[in-house]
Amino acid sequence: VGFDINKDRINELKDGIDVTGELSKQELKNATNISYTTNLDKLKN
């Protein structure tokens, strides 16, 4: 579970966009076993 307080960052990642340029769209697309959230409760498990 990937957590960040920046909602825009989370929305971009959900759309497969990494504005830092570290990861390509394909690399993000291939990352199927990850979820992105700003909700702390999603980390309880």
ModelCIF file with pLDDT and N, C-alpha, C, O atoms, coordinates in Angstrom:
data_MODEL
#
_entry.id   MODEL 
#
_entity.id                         1 
_entity.type                       polymer 
_entity.pdbx_number_of_molecules   1 
#
_entity_poly.entity_id                      1 
_entity_poly.type                           'polypeptide(L)' 
_entity_poly.nstd_linkage                   no 
_entity_poly.nstd_monomer                   no 
_entity_poly.pdbx_seq_one_letter_code       VGFDINKDRINELKDGIDVTGELSKQELKNATNISYTTNLDKLKN 
_entity_poly.pdbx_seq_one_letter_code_can   VGFDINKDRINELKDGIDVTGELSKQELKNATNISYTTNLDKLKN 
_entity_poly.pdbx_strand_id                 A 
#
loop_
_entity_poly_seq.entity_id 
_entity_poly_seq.num 
_entity_poly_seq.mon_id 
_entity_poly_seq.hetero 
1 1  VAL n 
1 2  GLY n 
1 3  PHE n 
1 4  ASP n 
1 5  ILE n 
1 6  ASN n 
1 7  LYS n 
1 8  ASP n 
1 9  ARG n 
1 10 ILE n 
1 11 ASN n 
1 12 GLU n 
1 13 LEU n 
1 14 LYS n 
1 15 ASP n 
1 16 GLY n 
1 17 ILE n 
1 18 ASP n 
1 19 VAL n 
1 20 THR n 
1 21 GLY n 
1 22 GLU n 
1 23 LEU n 
1 24 SER n 
1 25 LYS n 
1 26 GLN n 
1 27 GLU n 
1 28 LEU n 
1 29 LYS n 
1 30 ASN n 
1 31 ALA n 
1 32 THR n 
1 33 ASN n 
1 34 ILE n 
1 35 SER n 
1 36 TYR n 
1 37 THR n 
1 38 THR n 
1 39 ASN n 
1 40 LEU n 
1 41 ASP n 
1 42 LYS n 
1 43 LEU n 
1 44 LYS n 
1 45 ASN n 
#
_struct_asym.id          A 
_struct_asym.entity_id   1 
#
loop_
_ma_qa_metric.id 
_ma_qa_metric.mode 
_ma_qa_metric.name 
_ma_qa_metric.software_group_id 
_ma_qa_metric.type 
1 global pLDDT . pLDDT 
2 local  pLDDT . pLDDT 
#
_ma_qa_metric_global.metric_id      1 
_ma_qa_metric_global.metric_value   91.98 
_ma_qa_metric_global.model_id       1 
_ma_qa_metric_global.ordinal_id     1 
#
loop_
_ma_qa_metric_local.label_asym_id 
_ma_qa_metric_local.label_comp_id 
_ma_qa_metric_local.label_seq_id 
_ma_qa_metric_local.metric_id 
_ma_qa_metric_local.metric_value 
_ma_qa_metric_local.model_id 
_ma_qa_metric_local.ordinal_id 
A VAL 1  2 97.00 1 1  
A GLY 2  2 96.00 1 2  
A PHE 3  2 97.00 1 3  
A ASP 4  2 95.00 1 4  
A ILE 5  2 95.00 1 5  
A ASN 6  2 93.00 1 6  
A LYS 7  2 94.00 1 7  
A ASP 8  2 92.00 1 8  
A ARG 9  2 94.00 1 9  
A ILE 10 2 95.00 1 10 
A ASN 11 2 94.00 1 11 
A GLU 12 2 93.00 1 12 
A LEU 13 2 93.00 1 13 
A LYS 14 2 92.00 1 14 
A ASP 15 2 91.00 1 15 
A GLY 16 2 91.00 1 16 
A ILE 17 2 90.00 1 17 
A ASP 18 2 90.00 1 18 
A VAL 19 2 87.00 1 19 
A THR 20 2 83.00 1 20 
A GLY 21 2 82.00 1 21 
A GLU 22 2 84.00 1 22 
A LEU 23 2 86.00 1 23 
A SER 24 2 86.00 1 24 
A LYS 25 2 89.00 1 25 
A GLN 26 2 90.00 1 26 
A GLU 27 2 90.00 1 27 
A LEU 28 2 90.00 1 28 
A LYS 29 2 89.00 1 29 
A ASN 30 2 90.00 1 30 
A ALA 31 2 89.00 1 31 
A THR 32 2 89.00 1 32 
A ASN 33 2 92.00 1 33 
A ILE 34 2 95.00 1 34 
A SER 35 2 95.00 1 35 
A TYR 36 2 96.00 1 36 
A THR 37 2 96.00 1 37 
A THR 38 2 96.00 1 38 
A ASN 39 2 95.00 1 39 
A LEU 40 2 95.00 1 40 
A ASP 41 2 94.00 1 41 
A LYS 42 2 95.00 1 42 
A LEU 43 2 96.00 1 43 
A LYS 44 2 94.00 1 44 
A ASN 45 2 94.00 1 45 
#
loop_
_atom_site.group_PDB 
_atom_site.id 
_atom_site.type_symbol 
_atom_site.label_atom_id 
_atom_site.label_alt_id 
_atom_site.label_comp_id 
_atom_site.label_asym_id 
_atom_site.label_entity_id 
_atom_site.label_seq_id 
_atom_site.pdbx_PDB_ins_code 
_atom_site.Cartn_x 
_atom_site.Cartn_y 
_atom_site.Cartn_z 
_atom_site.occupancy 
_atom_site.B_iso_or_equiv 
_atom_site.pdbx_formal_charge 
_atom_site.auth_seq_id 
_atom_site.auth_comp_id 
_atom_site.auth_asym_id 
_atom_site.auth_atom_id 
_atom_site.pdbx_PDB_model_num 
ATOM 1   N N  . VAL A 1 1  ? 0.867  -1.180 0.000   1.00 97.00 ? 1  VAL A N  1 
ATOM 2   C CA . VAL A 1 1  ? 0.000  0.000  0.000   1.00 97.00 ? 1  VAL A CA 1 
ATOM 3   C C  . VAL A 1 1  ? 0.903  1.229  0.000   1.00 97.00 ? 1  VAL A C  1 
ATOM 4   O O  . VAL A 1 1  ? 1.737  1.396  0.890   1.00 97.00 ? 1  VAL A O  1 
ATOM 5   N N  . GLY A 1 2  ? 0.732  2.084  -0.998  1.00 96.00 ? 2  GLY A N  1 
ATOM 6   C CA . GLY A 1 2  ? 1.495  3.325  -1.077  1.00 96.00 ? 2  GLY A CA 1 
ATOM 7   C C  . GLY A 1 2  ? 0.685  4.479  -0.517  1.00 96.00 ? 2  GLY A C  1 
ATOM 8   O O  . GLY A 1 2  ? -0.432 4.732  -0.967  1.00 96.00 ? 2  GLY A O  1 
ATOM 9   N N  . PHE A 1 3  ? 1.244  5.187  0.468   1.00 97.00 ? 3  PHE A N  1 
ATOM 10  C CA . PHE A 1 3  ? 0.520  6.269  1.144   1.00 97.00 ? 3  PHE A CA 1 
ATOM 11  C C  . PHE A 1 3  ? 1.238  7.602  0.926   1.00 97.00 ? 3  PHE A C  1 
ATOM 12  O O  . PHE A 1 3  ? 2.462  7.689  1.022   1.00 97.00 ? 3  PHE A O  1 
ATOM 13  N N  . ASP A 1 4  ? 0.453  8.631  0.631   1.00 95.00 ? 4  ASP A N  1 
ATOM 14  C CA . ASP A 1 4  ? 0.988  9.987  0.529   1.00 95.00 ? 4  ASP A CA 1 
ATOM 15  C C  . ASP A 1 4  ? -0.111 10.971 0.912   1.00 95.00 ? 4  ASP A C  1 
ATOM 16  O O  . ASP A 1 4  ? -1.286 10.737 0.630   1.00 95.00 ? 4  ASP A O  1 
ATOM 17  N N  . ILE A 1 5  ? 0.270  12.072 1.554   1.00 95.00 ? 5  ILE A N  1 
ATOM 18  C CA . ILE A 1 5  ? -0.725 13.064 1.967   1.00 95.00 ? 5  ILE A CA 1 
ATOM 19  C C  . ILE A 1 5  ? -1.158 13.958 0.812   1.00 95.00 ? 5  ILE A C  1 
ATOM 20  O O  . ILE A 1 5  ? -2.154 14.675 0.912   1.00 95.00 ? 5  ILE A O  1 
ATOM 21  N N  . ASN A 1 6  ? -0.395 13.911 -0.301  1.00 93.00 ? 6  ASN A N  1 
ATOM 22  C CA . ASN A 1 6  ? -0.686 14.735 -1.467  1.00 93.00 ? 6  ASN A CA 1 
ATOM 23  C C  . ASN A 1 6  ? -1.730 14.033 -2.352  1.00 93.00 ? 6  ASN A C  1 
ATOM 24  O O  . ASN A 1 6  ? -1.414 13.052 -3.025  1.00 93.00 ? 6  ASN A O  1 
ATOM 25  N N  . LYS A 1 7  ? -2.952 14.530 -2.348  1.00 94.00 ? 7  LYS A N  1 
ATOM 26  C CA . LYS A 1 7  ? -4.036 13.906 -3.113  1.00 94.00 ? 7  LYS A CA 1 
ATOM 27  C C  . LYS A 1 7  ? -3.754 13.923 -4.611  1.00 94.00 ? 7  LYS A C  1 
ATOM 28  O O  . LYS A 1 7  ? -4.054 12.958 -5.313  1.00 94.00 ? 7  LYS A O  1 
ATOM 29  N N  . ASP A 1 8  ? -3.173 15.028 -5.102  1.00 92.00 ? 8  ASP A N  1 
ATOM 30  C CA . ASP A 1 8  ? -2.855 15.117 -6.530  1.00 92.00 ? 8  ASP A CA 1 
ATOM 31  C C  . ASP A 1 8  ? -1.860 14.035 -6.934  1.00 92.00 ? 8  ASP A C  1 
ATOM 32  O O  . ASP A 1 8  ? -1.992 13.418 -7.991  1.00 92.00 ? 8  ASP A O  1 
ATOM 33  N N  . ARG A 1 9  ? -0.866 13.813 -6.085  1.00 94.00 ? 9  ARG A N  1 
ATOM 34  C CA . ARG A 1 9  ? 0.133  12.773 -6.351  1.00 94.00 ? 9  ARG A CA 1 
ATOM 35  C C  . ARG A 1 9  ? -0.538 11.400 -6.434  1.00 94.00 ? 9  ARG A C  1 
ATOM 36  O O  . ARG A 1 9  ? -0.248 10.625 -7.346  1.00 94.00 ? 9  ARG A O  1 
ATOM 37  N N  . ILE A 1 10 ? -1.413 11.099 -5.508  1.00 95.00 ? 10 ILE A N  1 
ATOM 38  C CA . ILE A 1 10 ? -2.112 9.822  -5.499  1.00 95.00 ? 10 ILE A CA 1 
ATOM 39  C C  . ILE A 1 10 ? -2.963 9.653  -6.754  1.00 95.00 ? 10 ILE A C  1 
ATOM 40  O O  . ILE A 1 10 ? -2.964 8.586  -7.368  1.00 95.00 ? 10 ILE A O  1 
ATOM 41  N N  . ASN A 1 11 ? -3.683 10.701 -7.132  1.00 94.00 ? 11 ASN A N  1 
ATOM 42  C CA . ASN A 1 11 ? -4.538 10.638 -8.328  1.00 94.00 ? 11 ASN A CA 1 
ATOM 43  C C  . ASN A 1 11 ? -3.717 10.426 -9.595  1.00 94.00 ? 11 ASN A C  1 
ATOM 44  O O  . ASN A 1 11 ? -4.123 9.681  -10.487 1.00 94.00 ? 11 ASN A O  1 
ATOM 45  N N  . GLU A 1 12 ? -2.555 11.087 -9.671  1.00 93.00 ? 12 GLU A N  1 
ATOM 46  C CA . GLU A 1 12 ? -1.660 10.906 -10.817 1.00 93.00 ? 12 GLU A CA 1 
ATOM 47  C C  . GLU A 1 12 ? -1.173 9.462  -10.911 1.00 93.00 ? 12 GLU A C  1 
ATOM 48  O O  . GLU A 1 12 ? -1.146 8.876  -11.993 1.00 93.00 ? 12 GLU A O  1 
ATOM 49  N N  . LEU A 1 13 ? -0.791 8.895  -9.772  1.00 93.00 ? 13 LEU A N  1 
ATOM 50  C CA . LEU A 1 13 ? -0.295 7.524  -9.762  1.00 93.00 ? 13 LEU A CA 1 
ATOM 51  C C  . LEU A 1 13 ? -1.388 6.536  -10.139 1.00 93.00 ? 13 LEU A C  1 
ATOM 52  O O  . LEU A 1 13 ? -1.133 5.555  -10.837 1.00 93.00 ? 13 LEU A O  1 
ATOM 53  N N  . LYS A 1 14 ? -2.603 6.796  -9.676  1.00 92.00 ? 14 LYS A N  1 
ATOM 54  C CA . LYS A 1 14 ? -3.734 5.951  -10.051 1.00 92.00 ? 14 LYS A CA 1 
ATOM 55  C C  . LYS A 1 14 ? -3.992 6.004  -11.551 1.00 92.00 ? 14 LYS A C  1 
ATOM 56  O O  . LYS A 1 14 ? -4.480 5.045  -12.148 1.00 92.00 ? 14 LYS A O  1 
ATOM 57  N N  . ASP A 1 15 ? -3.652 7.150  -12.148 1.00 91.00 ? 15 ASP A N  1 
ATOM 58  C CA . ASP A 1 15 ? -3.801 7.310  -13.596 1.00 91.00 ? 15 ASP A CA 1 
ATOM 59  C C  . ASP A 1 15 ? -2.568 6.824  -14.361 1.00 91.00 ? 15 ASP A C  1 
ATOM 60  O O  . ASP A 1 15 ? -2.503 6.942  -15.585 1.00 91.00 ? 15 ASP A O  1 
ATOM 61  N N  . GLY A 1 16 ? -1.598 6.280  -13.634 1.00 91.00 ? 16 GLY A N  1 
ATOM 62  C CA . GLY A 1 16 ? -0.393 5.750  -14.272 1.00 91.00 ? 16 GLY A CA 1 
ATOM 63  C C  . GLY A 1 16 ? 0.619  6.801  -14.664 1.00 91.00 ? 16 GLY A C  1 
ATOM 64  O O  . GLY A 1 16 ? 1.387  6.602  -15.606 1.00 91.00 ? 16 GLY A O  1 
ATOM 65  N N  . ILE A 1 17 ? 0.634  7.931  -13.949 1.00 90.00 ? 17 ILE A N  1 
ATOM 66  C CA . ILE A 1 17 ? 1.550  9.028  -14.263 1.00 90.00 ? 17 ILE A CA 1 
ATOM 67  C C  . ILE A 1 17 ? 2.483  9.293  -13.089 1.00 90.00 ? 17 ILE A C  1 
ATOM 68  O O  . ILE A 1 17 ? 2.029  9.477  -11.959 1.00 90.00 ? 17 ILE A O  1 
ATOM 69  N N  . ASP A 1 18 ? 3.789  9.311  -13.354 1.00 90.00 ? 18 ASP A N  1 
ATOM 70  C CA . ASP A 1 18 ? 4.788  9.674  -12.355 1.00 90.00 ? 18 ASP A CA 1 
ATOM 71  C C  . ASP A 1 18 ? 5.490  10.936 -12.818 1.00 90.00 ? 18 ASP A C  1 
ATOM 72  O O  . ASP A 1 18 ? 6.348  10.888 -13.699 1.00 90.00 ? 18 ASP A O  1 
ATOM 73  N N  . VAL A 1 19 ? 5.129  12.063 -12.229 1.00 87.00 ? 19 VAL A N  1 
ATOM 74  C CA . VAL A 1 19 ? 5.680  13.354 -12.669 1.00 87.00 ? 19 VAL A CA 1 
ATOM 75  C C  . VAL A 1 19 ? 7.158  13.494 -12.333 1.00 87.00 ? 19 VAL A C  1 
ATOM 76  O O  . VAL A 1 19 ? 7.832  14.361 -12.890 1.00 87.00 ? 19 VAL A O  1 
ATOM 77  N N  . THR A 1 20 ? 7.679  12.661 -11.433 1.00 83.00 ? 20 THR A N  1 
ATOM 78  C CA . THR A 1 20 ? 9.106  12.730 -11.121 1.00 83.00 ? 20 THR A CA 1 
ATOM 79  C C  . THR A 1 20 ? 9.958  12.152 -12.243 1.00 83.00 ? 20 THR A C  1 
ATOM 80  O O  . THR A 1 20 ? 11.157 12.422 -12.322 1.00 83.00 ? 20 THR A O  1 
ATOM 81  N N  . GLY A 1 21 ? 9.339  11.357 -13.106 1.00 82.00 ? 21 GLY A N  1 
ATOM 82  C CA . GLY A 1 21 ? 10.075 10.751 -14.206 1.00 82.00 ? 21 GLY A CA 1 
ATOM 83  C C  . GLY A 1 21 ? 10.898 9.539  -13.831 1.00 82.00 ? 21 GLY A C  1 
ATOM 84  O O  . GLY A 1 21 ? 11.624 8.999  -14.666 1.00 82.00 ? 21 GLY A O  1 
ATOM 85  N N  . GLU A 1 22 ? 10.795 9.100  -12.574 1.00 84.00 ? 22 GLU A N  1 
ATOM 86  C CA . GLU A 1 22 ? 11.569 7.941  -12.137 1.00 84.00 ? 22 GLU A CA 1 
ATOM 87  C C  . GLU A 1 22 ? 11.052 6.639  -12.731 1.00 84.00 ? 22 GLU A C  1 
ATOM 88  O O  . GLU A 1 22 ? 11.827 5.730  -13.030 1.00 84.00 ? 22 GLU A O  1 
ATOM 89  N N  . LEU A 1 23 ? 9.724  6.556  -12.900 1.00 86.00 ? 23 LEU A N  1 
ATOM 90  C CA . LEU A 1 23 ? 9.122  5.342  -13.442 1.00 86.00 ? 23 LEU A CA 1 
ATOM 91  C C  . LEU A 1 23 ? 8.312  5.665  -14.690 1.00 86.00 ? 23 LEU A C  1 
ATOM 92  O O  . LEU A 1 23 ? 7.651  6.700  -14.765 1.00 86.00 ? 23 LEU A O  1 
ATOM 93  N N  . SER A 1 24 ? 8.371  4.783  -15.651 1.00 86.00 ? 24 SER A N  1 
ATOM 94  C CA . SER A 1 24 ? 7.622  4.959  -16.891 1.00 86.00 ? 24 SER A CA 1 
ATOM 95  C C  . SER A 1 24 ? 6.165  4.532  -16.703 1.00 86.00 ? 24 SER A C  1 
ATOM 96  O O  . SER A 1 24 ? 5.813  3.890  -15.713 1.00 86.00 ? 24 SER A O  1 
ATOM 97  N N  . LYS A 1 25 ? 5.341  4.897  -17.658 1.00 89.00 ? 25 LYS A N  1 
ATOM 98  C CA . LYS A 1 25 ? 3.935  4.471  -17.622 1.00 89.00 ? 25 LYS A CA 1 
ATOM 99  C C  . LYS A 1 25 ? 3.820  2.955  -17.616 1.00 89.00 ? 25 LYS A C  1 
ATOM 100 O O  . LYS A 1 25 ? 2.967  2.389  -16.933 1.00 89.00 ? 25 LYS A O  1 
ATOM 101 N N  . GLN A 1 26 ? 4.694  2.296  -18.392 1.00 90.00 ? 26 GLN A N  1 
ATOM 102 C CA . GLN A 1 26 ? 4.665  0.844  -18.463 1.00 90.00 ? 26 GLN A CA 1 
ATOM 103 C C  . GLN A 1 26 ? 5.037  0.213  -17.123 1.00 90.00 ? 26 GLN A C  1 
ATOM 104 O O  . GLN A 1 26 ? 4.430  -0.773 -16.705 1.00 90.00 ? 26 GLN A O  1 
ATOM 105 N N  . GLU A 1 27 ? 6.039  0.787  -16.451 1.00 90.00 ? 27 GLU A N  1 
ATOM 106 C CA . GLU A 1 27 ? 6.443  0.268  -15.139 1.00 90.00 ? 27 GLU A CA 1 
ATOM 107 C C  . GLU A 1 27 ? 5.316  0.400  -14.124 1.00 90.00 ? 27 GLU A C  1 
ATOM 108 O O  . GLU A 1 27 ? 5.091  -0.501 -13.315 1.00 90.00 ? 27 GLU A O  1 
ATOM 109 N N  . LEU A 1 28 ? 4.609  1.527  -14.168 1.00 90.00 ? 28 LEU A N  1 
ATOM 110 C CA . LEU A 1 28 ? 3.473  1.712  -13.270 1.00 90.00 ? 28 LEU A CA 1 
ATOM 111 C C  . LEU A 1 28 ? 2.327  0.773  -13.633 1.00 90.00 ? 28 LEU A C  1 
ATOM 112 O O  . LEU A 1 28 ? 1.644  0.252  -12.751 1.00 90.00 ? 28 LEU A O  1 
ATOM 113 N N  . LYS A 1 29 ? 2.120  0.560  -14.912 1.00 89.00 ? 29 LYS A N  1 
ATOM 114 C CA . LYS A 1 29 ? 1.067  -0.344 -15.373 1.00 89.00 ? 29 LYS A CA 1 
ATOM 115 C C  . LYS A 1 29 ? 1.333  -1.779 -14.919 1.00 89.00 ? 29 LYS A C  1 
ATOM 116 O O  . LYS A 1 29 ? 0.415  -2.522 -14.571 1.00 89.00 ? 29 LYS A O  1 
ATOM 117 N N  . ASN A 1 30 ? 2.616  -2.147 -14.933 1.00 90.00 ? 30 ASN A N  1 
ATOM 118 C CA . ASN A 1 30 ? 2.995  -3.507 -14.537 1.00 90.00 ? 30 ASN A CA 1 
ATOM 119 C C  . ASN A 1 30 ? 2.913  -3.731 -13.026 1.00 90.00 ? 30 ASN A C  1 
ATOM 120 O O  . ASN A 1 30 ? 2.917  -4.871 -12.561 1.00 90.00 ? 30 ASN A O  1 
ATOM 121 N N  . ALA A 1 31 ? 2.839  -2.641 -12.267 1.00 89.00 ? 31 ALA A N  1 
ATOM 122 C CA . ALA A 1 31 ? 2.773  -2.737 -10.806 1.00 89.00 ? 31 ALA A CA 1 
ATOM 123 C C  . ALA A 1 31 ? 1.335  -3.013 -10.379 1.00 89.00 ? 31 ALA A C  1 
ATOM 124 O O  . ALA A 1 31 ? 0.610  -2.104 -9.975  1.00 89.00 ? 31 ALA A O  1 
ATOM 125 N N  . THR A 1 32 ? 0.941  -4.249 -10.470 1.00 89.00 ? 32 THR A N  1 
ATOM 126 C CA . THR A 1 32 ? -0.459 -4.616 -10.223 1.00 89.00 ? 32 THR A CA 1 
ATOM 127 C C  . THR A 1 32 ? -0.761 -4.958 -8.770  1.00 89.00 ? 32 THR A C  1 
ATOM 128 O O  . THR A 1 32 ? -1.925 -5.010 -8.374  1.00 89.00 ? 32 THR A O  1 
ATOM 129 N N  . ASN A 1 33 ? 0.276  -5.191 -7.976  1.00 92.00 ? 33 ASN A N  1 
ATOM 130 C CA . ASN A 1 33 ? 0.065  -5.624 -6.588  1.00 92.00 ? 33 ASN A CA 1 
ATOM 131 C C  . ASN A 1 33 ? 0.255  -4.470 -5.601  1.00 92.00 ? 33 ASN A C  1 
ATOM 132 O O  . ASN A 1 33 ? 0.731  -4.658 -4.482  1.00 92.00 ? 33 ASN A O  1 
ATOM 133 N N  . ILE A 1 34 ? -0.129 -3.275 -6.048  1.00 95.00 ? 34 ILE A N  1 
ATOM 134 C CA . ILE A 1 34 ? 0.029  -2.086 -5.212  1.00 95.00 ? 34 ILE A CA 1 
ATOM 135 C C  . ILE A 1 34 ? -1.223 -1.240 -5.294  1.00 95.00 ? 34 ILE A C  1 
ATOM 136 O O  . ILE A 1 34 ? -1.852 -1.152 -6.348  1.00 95.00 ? 34 ILE A O  1 
ATOM 137 N N  . SER A 1 35 ? -1.588 -0.616 -4.181  1.00 95.00 ? 35 SER A N  1 
ATOM 138 C CA . SER A 1 35 ? -2.687 0.344  -4.156  1.00 95.00 ? 35 SER A CA 1 
ATOM 139 C C  . SER A 1 35 ? -2.171 1.658  -3.597  1.00 95.00 ? 35 SER A C  1 
ATOM 140 O O  . SER A 1 35 ? -1.222 1.677  -2.813  1.00 95.00 ? 35 SER A O  1 
ATOM 141 N N  . TYR A 1 36 ? -2.800 2.762  -4.001  1.00 96.00 ? 36 TYR A N  1 
ATOM 142 C CA . TYR A 1 36 ? -2.375 4.096  -3.583  1.00 96.00 ? 36 TYR A CA 1 
ATOM 143 C C  . TYR A 1 36 ? -3.494 4.758  -2.795  1.00 96.00 ? 36 TYR A C  1 
ATOM 144 O O  . TYR A 1 36 ? -4.666 4.643  -3.155  1.00 96.00 ? 36 TYR A O  1 
ATOM 145 N N  . THR A 1 37 ? -3.133 5.451  -1.721  1.00 96.00 ? 37 THR A N  1 
ATOM 146 C CA . THR A 1 37 ? -4.168 6.041  -0.880  1.00 96.00 ? 37 THR A CA 1 
ATOM 147 C C  . THR A 1 37 ? -3.652 7.240  -0.079  1.00 96.00 ? 37 THR A C  1 
ATOM 148 O O  . THR A 1 37 ? -2.452 7.376  0.162   1.00 96.00 ? 37 THR A O  1 
ATOM 149 N N  . THR A 1 38 ? -4.582 8.102  0.323   1.00 96.00 ? 38 THR A N  1 
ATOM 150 C CA . THR A 1 38 ? -4.323 9.169  1.284   1.00 96.00 ? 38 THR A CA 1 
ATOM 151 C C  . THR A 1 38 ? -4.991 8.857  2.623   1.00 96.00 ? 38 THR A C  1 
ATOM 152 O O  . THR A 1 38 ? -4.905 9.639  3.571   1.00 96.00 ? 38 THR A O  1 
ATOM 153 N N  . ASN A 1 39 ? -5.657 7.701  2.685   1.00 95.00 ? 39 ASN A N  1 
ATOM 154 C CA . ASN A 1 39 ? -6.428 7.300  3.857   1.00 95.00 ? 39 ASN A CA 1 
ATOM 155 C C  . ASN A 1 39 ? -5.570 6.415  4.758   1.00 95.00 ? 39 ASN A C  1 
ATOM 156 O O  . ASN A 1 39 ? -5.215 5.299  4.379   1.00 95.00 ? 39 ASN A O  1 
ATOM 157 N N  . LEU A 1 40 ? -5.246 6.900  5.921   1.00 95.00 ? 40 LEU A N  1 
ATOM 158 C CA . LEU A 1 40 ? -4.394 6.178  6.863   1.00 95.00 ? 40 LEU A CA 1 
ATOM 159 C C  . LEU A 1 40 ? -4.993 4.836  7.278   1.00 95.00 ? 40 LEU A C  1 
ATOM 160 O O  . LEU A 1 40 ? -4.264 3.880  7.541   1.00 95.00 ? 40 LEU A O  1 
ATOM 161 N N  . ASP A 1 41 ? -6.313 4.769  7.335   1.00 94.00 ? 41 ASP A N  1 
ATOM 162 C CA . ASP A 1 41 ? -6.982 3.533  7.749   1.00 94.00 ? 41 ASP A CA 1 
ATOM 163 C C  . ASP A 1 41 ? -6.679 2.367  6.810   1.00 94.00 ? 41 ASP A C  1 
ATOM 164 O O  . ASP A 1 41 ? -6.751 1.207  7.215   1.00 94.00 ? 41 ASP A O  1 
ATOM 165 N N  . LYS A 1 42 ? -6.342 2.674  5.558   1.00 95.00 ? 42 LYS A N  1 
ATOM 166 C CA . LYS A 1 42 ? -6.039 1.632  4.582   1.00 95.00 ? 42 LYS A CA 1 
ATOM 167 C C  . LYS A 1 42 ? -4.729 0.909  4.898   1.00 95.00 ? 42 LYS A C  1 
ATOM 168 O O  . LYS A 1 42 ? -4.411 -0.105 4.277   1.00 95.00 ? 42 LYS A O  1 
ATOM 169 N N  . LEU A 1 43 ? -3.966 1.436  5.870   1.00 96.00 ? 43 LEU A N  1 
ATOM 170 C CA . LEU A 1 43 ? -2.681 0.856  6.233   1.00 96.00 ? 43 LEU A CA 1 
ATOM 171 C C  . LEU A 1 43 ? -2.771 -0.070 7.447   1.00 96.00 ? 43 LEU A C  1 
ATOM 172 O O  . LEU A 1 43 ? -1.774 -0.672 7.847   1.00 96.00 ? 43 LEU A O  1 
ATOM 173 N N  . LYS A 1 44 ? -3.952 -0.181 8.025   1.00 94.00 ? 44 LYS A N  1 
ATOM 174 C CA . LYS A 1 44 ? -4.089 -0.924 9.272   1.00 94.00 ? 44 LYS A CA 1 
ATOM 175 C C  . LYS A 1 44 ? -3.763 -2.409 9.136   1.00 94.00 ? 44 LYS A C  1 
ATOM 176 O O  . LYS A 1 44 ? -3.342 -3.041 10.105  1.00 94.00 ? 44 LYS A O  1 
ATOM 177 N N  . ASN A 1 45 ? -3.951 -2.968 7.952   1.00 94.00 ? 45 ASN A N  1 
ATOM 178 C CA . ASN A 1 45 ? -3.665 -4.387 7.745   1.00 94.00 ? 45 ASN A CA 1 
ATOM 179 C C  . ASN A 1 45 ? -2.200 -4.653 7.392   1.00 94.00 ? 45 ASN A C  1 
ATOM 180 O O  . ASN A 1 45 ? -1.813 -5.804 7.189   1.00 94.00 ? 45 ASN A O  1 
#
